[in-house]
Each structure stands twice: as structure tokens, then as C-alpha cells.
PDB file of N, CA and C in Angstrom:
ATOM      1  N   MET A   1      26.641  78.687  46.296  1.00  0.00           N
ATOM      2  CA  MET A   1      26.457  80.008  45.932  1.00  0.00           C
ATOM      3  C   MET A   1      24.998  81.262  46.312  1.00  0.00           C
ATOM      4  N   ASN A   2      24.889  81.767  46.216  1.00  0.00           N
ATOM      5  CA  ASN A   2      24.810  82.943  46.875  1.00  0.00           C
ATOM      6  C   ASN A   2      22.783  83.049  46.004  1.00  0.00           C
ATOM      7  N   ALA A   3      21.797  83.359  46.648  1.00  0.00           N
ATOM      8  CA  ALA A   3      20.546  83.504  45.955  1.00  0.00           C
ATOM      9  C   ALA A   3      20.722  84.302  44.898  1.00  0.00           C
ATOM     10  N   GLY A   4      21.453  85.348  44.588  1.00  0.00           N
ATOM     11  CA  GLY A   4      21.560  86.115  43.930  1.00  0.00           C
ATOM     12  C   GLY A   4      21.885  85.839  42.844  1.00  0.00           C
ATOM     13  N   ALA A   5      23.277  84.963  42.851  1.00  0.00           N
ATOM     14  CA  ALA A   5      24.063  84.172  41.977  1.00  0.00           C
ATOM     15  C   ALA A   5      22.742  83.130  40.954  1.00  0.00           C
ATOM     16  N   ARG A   6      22.708  82.411  42.383  1.00  0.00           N
ATOM     17  CA  ARG A   6      21.269  81.319  41.785  1.00  0.00           C
ATOM     18  C   ARG A   6      20.063  82.106  40.606  1.00  0.00           C
ATOM     19  N   LEU A   7      19.395  83.543  41.256  1.00  0.00           N
ATOM     20  CA  LEU A   7      18.321  84.063  40.376  1.00  0.00           C
ATOM     21  C   LEU A   7      18.680  84.446  38.953  1.00  0.00           C
ATOM     22  N   GLY A   8      20.497  85.398  39.545  1.00  0.00           N
ATOM     23  CA  GLY A   8      20.915  85.407  37.591  1.00  0.00           C
ATOM     24  C   GLY A   8      21.004  84.313  36.930  1.00  0.00           C
ATOM     25  N   LEU A   9      21.563  83.351  37.788  1.00  0.00           N
ATOM     26  CA  LEU A   9      21.667  81.911  36.628  1.00  0.00           C
ATOM     27  C   LEU A   9      20.702  81.583  35.402  1.00  0.00           C
ATOM     28  N   TYR A  10      19.231  82.373  36.418  1.00  0.00           N
ATOM     29  CA  TYR A  10      17.983  81.166  36.238  1.00  0.00           C
ATOM     30  C   TYR A  10      17.463  82.122  35.378  1.00  0.00           C
ATOM     31  N   GLY A  11      17.341  83.157  35.311  1.00  0.00           N
ATOM     32  CA  GLY A  11      17.143  84.666  34.274  1.00  0.00           C
ATOM     33  C   GLY A  11      17.778  84.504  32.831  1.00  0.00           C
ATOM     34  N   ILE A  12      19.264  83.993  33.000  1.00  0.00           N
ATOM     35  CA  ILE A  12      19.412  84.292  32.126  1.00  0.00           C
ATOM     36  C   ILE A  12      19.650  82.649  31.166  1.00  0.00           C
ATOM     37  N   GLY A  13      19.457  81.965  31.184  1.00  0.00           N
ATOM     38  CA  GLY A  13      18.406  80.202  30.868  1.00  0.00           C
ATOM     39  C   GLY A  13      17.216  80.299  31.012  1.00  0.00           C
ATOM     40  N   LEU A  14      16.348  81.921  31.258  1.00  0.00           N
ATOM     41  CA  LEU A  14      15.667  81.826  30.621  1.00  0.00           C
ATOM     42  C   LEU A  14      15.100  82.498  29.334  1.00  0.00           C
ATOM     43  N   VAL A  15      16.637  83.593  29.570  1.00  0.00           N
ATOM     44  CA  VAL A  15      16.602  84.888  28.045  1.00  0.00           C
ATOM     45  C   VAL A  15      16.974  83.555  27.248  1.00  0.00           C
ATOM     46  N   VAL A  16      17.755  82.910  27.871  1.00  0.00           N
ATOM     47  CA  VAL A  16      18.208  81.818  26.366  1.00  0.00           C
ATOM     48  C   VAL A  16      17.168  80.566  25.311  1.00  0.00           C
ATOM     49  N   ALA A  17      16.277  80.330  26.819  1.00  0.00           N
ATOM     50  CA  ALA A  17      15.345  79.333  26.002  1.00  0.00           C
ATOM     51  C   ALA A  17      14.463  79.604  25.605  1.00  0.00           C
ATOM     52  N   PHE A  18      14.216  81.565  26.056  1.00  0.00           N
ATOM     53  CA  PHE A  18      13.217  82.501  24.938  1.00  0.00           C
ATOM     54  C   PHE A  18      13.470  82.612  23.433  1.00  0.00           C
ATOM     55  N   VAL A  19      14.745  83.185  23.809  1.00  0.00           N
ATOM     56  CA  VAL A  19      15.298  83.371  22.207  1.00  0.00           C
ATOM     57  C   VAL A  19      15.570  81.618  21.225  1.00  0.00           C
ATOM     58  N   ALA A  20      16.165  80.606  21.915  1.00  0.00           N
ATOM     59  CA  ALA A  20      15.898  79.614  21.362  1.00  0.00           C
ATOM     60  C   ALA A  20      14.876  79.247  20.791  1.00  0.00           C
ATOM     61  N   ALA A  21      13.916  79.469  21.372  1.00  0.00           N
ATOM     62  CA  ALA A  21      12.148  78.707  21.330  1.00  0.00           C
ATOM     63  C   ALA A  21      11.671  79.630  20.032  1.00  0.00           C
ATOM     64  N   TYR A  22      11.891  81.526  20.152  1.00  0.00           N
ATOM     65  CA  TYR A  22      11.589  82.499  18.949  1.00  0.00           C
ATOM     66  C   TYR A  22      12.392  82.007  17.456  1.00  0.00           C
ATOM     67  N   PHE A  23      13.509  81.390  17.613  1.00  0.00           N
ATOM     68  CA  PHE A  23      14.509  81.108  16.503  1.00  0.00           C
ATOM     69  C   PHE A  23      13.826  80.297  15.640  1.00  0.00           C
ATOM     70  N   ILE A  24      13.683  78.456  16.940  1.00  0.00           N
ATOM     71  CA  ILE A  24      13.256  77.232  16.489  1.00  0.00           C
ATOM     72  C   ILE A  24      12.037  77.955  15.743  1.00  0.00           C
ATOM     73  N   ALA A  25      10.451  78.496  16.516  1.00  0.00           N
ATOM     74  CA  ALA A  25       9.847  78.155  15.849  1.00  0.00           C
ATOM     75  C   ALA A  25       9.714  79.099  14.934  1.00  0.00           C
ATOM     76  N   GLY A  26      10.935  79.789  14.540  1.00  0.00           N
ATOM     77  CA  GLY A  26      10.494  81.102  12.798  1.00  0.00           C
ATOM     78  C   GLY A  26      11.180  80.095  11.563  1.00  0.00           C
ATOM     79  N   ALA A  27      11.457  79.407  12.168  1.00  0.00           N
ATOM     80  CA  ALA A  27      12.730  78.155  11.471  1.00  0.00           C
ATOM     81  C   ALA A  27      11.026  77.122  10.489  1.00  0.00           C
ATOM     82  N   VAL A  28      10.497  76.283  11.945  1.00  0.00           N
ATOM     83  CA  VAL A  28      10.239  75.708  11.721  1.00  0.00           C
ATOM     84  C   VAL A  28       8.383  75.352  11.129  1.00  0.00           C
ATOM     85  N   VAL A  29       7.690  77.043  11.460  1.00  0.00           N
ATOM     86  CA  VAL A  29       6.281  77.316  11.018  1.00  0.00           C
ATOM     87  C   VAL A  29       6.705  77.780   9.863  1.00  0.00           C
ATOM     88  N   PRO A  30       6.200  76.931   8.891  1.00  0.00           N
ATOM     89  CA  PRO A  30       5.473  78.532   7.597  1.00  0.00           C
ATOM     90  C   PRO A  30       5.018  79.301   7.257  1.00  0.00           C
ATOM     91  N   ALA A  31       5.501  80.166   7.069  1.00  0.00           N
ATOM     92  CA  ALA A  31       4.620  81.927   6.719  1.00  0.00           C
ATOM     93  C   ALA A  31       3.143  81.726   6.219  1.00  0.00           C
ATOM     94  N   GLU A  32       2.382  80.902   5.460  1.00  0.00           N
ATOM     95  CA  GLU A  32       1.546  81.010   5.343  1.00  0.00           C
ATOM     96  C   GLU A  32       0.053  80.491   6.617  1.00  0.00           C
ATOM     97  N   PHE A  33       1.639  79.911   6.784  1.00  0.00           N
ATOM     98  CA  PHE A  33       0.573  79.157   8.342  1.00  0.00           C
ATOM     99  C   PHE A  33       0.306  80.516   9.073  1.00  0.00           C
ATOM    100  N   VAL A  34       1.442  81.477   9.209  1.00  0.00           N
ATOM    101  CA  VAL A  34       0.959  82.902  10.096  1.00  0.00           C
ATOM    102  C   VAL A  34       0.032  83.486   9.742  1.00  0.00           C
ATOM    103  N   ALA A  35       0.008  83.987   8.072  1.00  0.00           N
ATOM    104  CA  ALA A  35      -0.460  85.235   8.054  1.00  0.00           C
ATOM    105  C   ALA A  35      -1.625  84.847   7.916  1.00  0.00           C
ATOM    106  N   ASP A  36      -2.513  82.888   7.786  1.00  0.00           N
ATOM    107  CA  ASP A  36      -3.809  82.116   7.697  1.00  0.00           C
ATOM    108  C   ASP A  36      -4.451  82.946   9.094  1.00  0.00           C
ATOM    109  N   TRP A  37      -3.488  82.308  10.132  1.00  0.00           N
ATOM    110  CA  TRP A  37      -3.992  82.557  11.597  1.00  0.00           C
ATOM    111  C   TRP A  37      -3.701  84.466  11.984  1.00  0.00           C
ATOM    112  N   THR A  38      -2.808  84.788  11.460  1.00  0.00           N
ATOM    113  CA  THR A  38      -3.436  86.403  11.708  1.00  0.00           C
ATOM    114  C   THR A  38      -4.897  87.244  11.098  1.00  0.00           C
ATOM    115  N   GLN A  39      -4.922  86.489   9.473  1.00  0.00           N
ATOM    116  CA  GLN A  39      -6.184  87.022   8.846  1.00  0.00           C
ATOM    117  C   GLN A  39      -7.237  86.282   9.201  1.00  0.00           C
ATOM    118  N   GLN A  40      -7.167  85.108   9.997  1.00  0.00           N
ATOM    119  CA  GLN A  40      -8.421  85.090  11.036  1.00  0.00           C
ATOM    120  C   GLN A  40      -8.631  85.781  12.220  1.00  0.00           C
ATOM    121  N   ALA A  41      -7.663  86.382  12.982  1.00  0.00           N
ATOM    122  CA  ALA A  41      -8.061  86.637  13.659  1.00  0.00           C
ATOM    123  C   ALA A  41      -8.302  88.104  13.496  1.00  0.00           C
ATOM    124  N   HIS A  42      -8.390  88.992  12.638  1.00  0.00           N
ATOM    125  CA  HIS A  42      -8.937  90.480  12.349  1.00  0.00           C
ATOM    126  C   HIS A  42      -9.888  89.711  11.862  1.00  0.00           C
ATOM    127  N   THR A  43     -11.127  88.972  11.089  1.00  0.00           N
ATOM    128  CA  THR A  43     -12.073  89.120  11.176  1.00  0.00           C
ATOM    129  C   THR A  43     -12.585  89.012  11.288  1.00  0.00           C
ATOM    130  N   PRO A  44     -14.259  89.233  11.404  1.00  0.00           N
ATOM    131  CA  PRO A  44     -15.305  89.054  12.542  1.00  0.00           C
ATOM    132  C   PRO A  44     -15.878  87.618  12.134  1.00  0.00           C
ATOM    133  N   SER A  45     -16.277  87.403  13.737  1.00  0.00           N
ATOM    134  CA  SER A  45     -16.800  86.034  13.593  1.00  0.00           C
ATOM    135  C   SER A  45     -18.560  85.566  13.088  1.00  0.00           C
ATOM    136  N   HIS A  46     -19.085  86.907  12.628  1.00  0.00           N
ATOM    137  CA  HIS A  46     -20.411  87.290  12.816  1.00  0.00           C
ATOM    138  C   HIS A  46     -20.917  86.146  11.332  1.00  0.00           C
TER     139      HIS A  46
END
């Protein structure tokens, strides 16, 4: 297998891994946690 094919398979593997992580996180992490986290990021810490 040449280097171009290996790099292509590696790239496809990365895309599959990130898409899977995105969907798994959407199913596992509660929406309330995300809302609290984003609200904390917008509030000043002073």
C-alpha cells in the first residue's frame, strides 16, 4: 500500500472517529450541563 492510500485511510478514520464522538457526546451529555457550562462562560468572573 502506498503512502497516499495510507494517508487517505488515516484521514477517513479520523473523520469517522470525530463524527462518532460527536454523536456519542450528544447522546450521553445532558442538555442541562451544556446550558450551565455555556452560561458560565458568558458571565464575568469579577
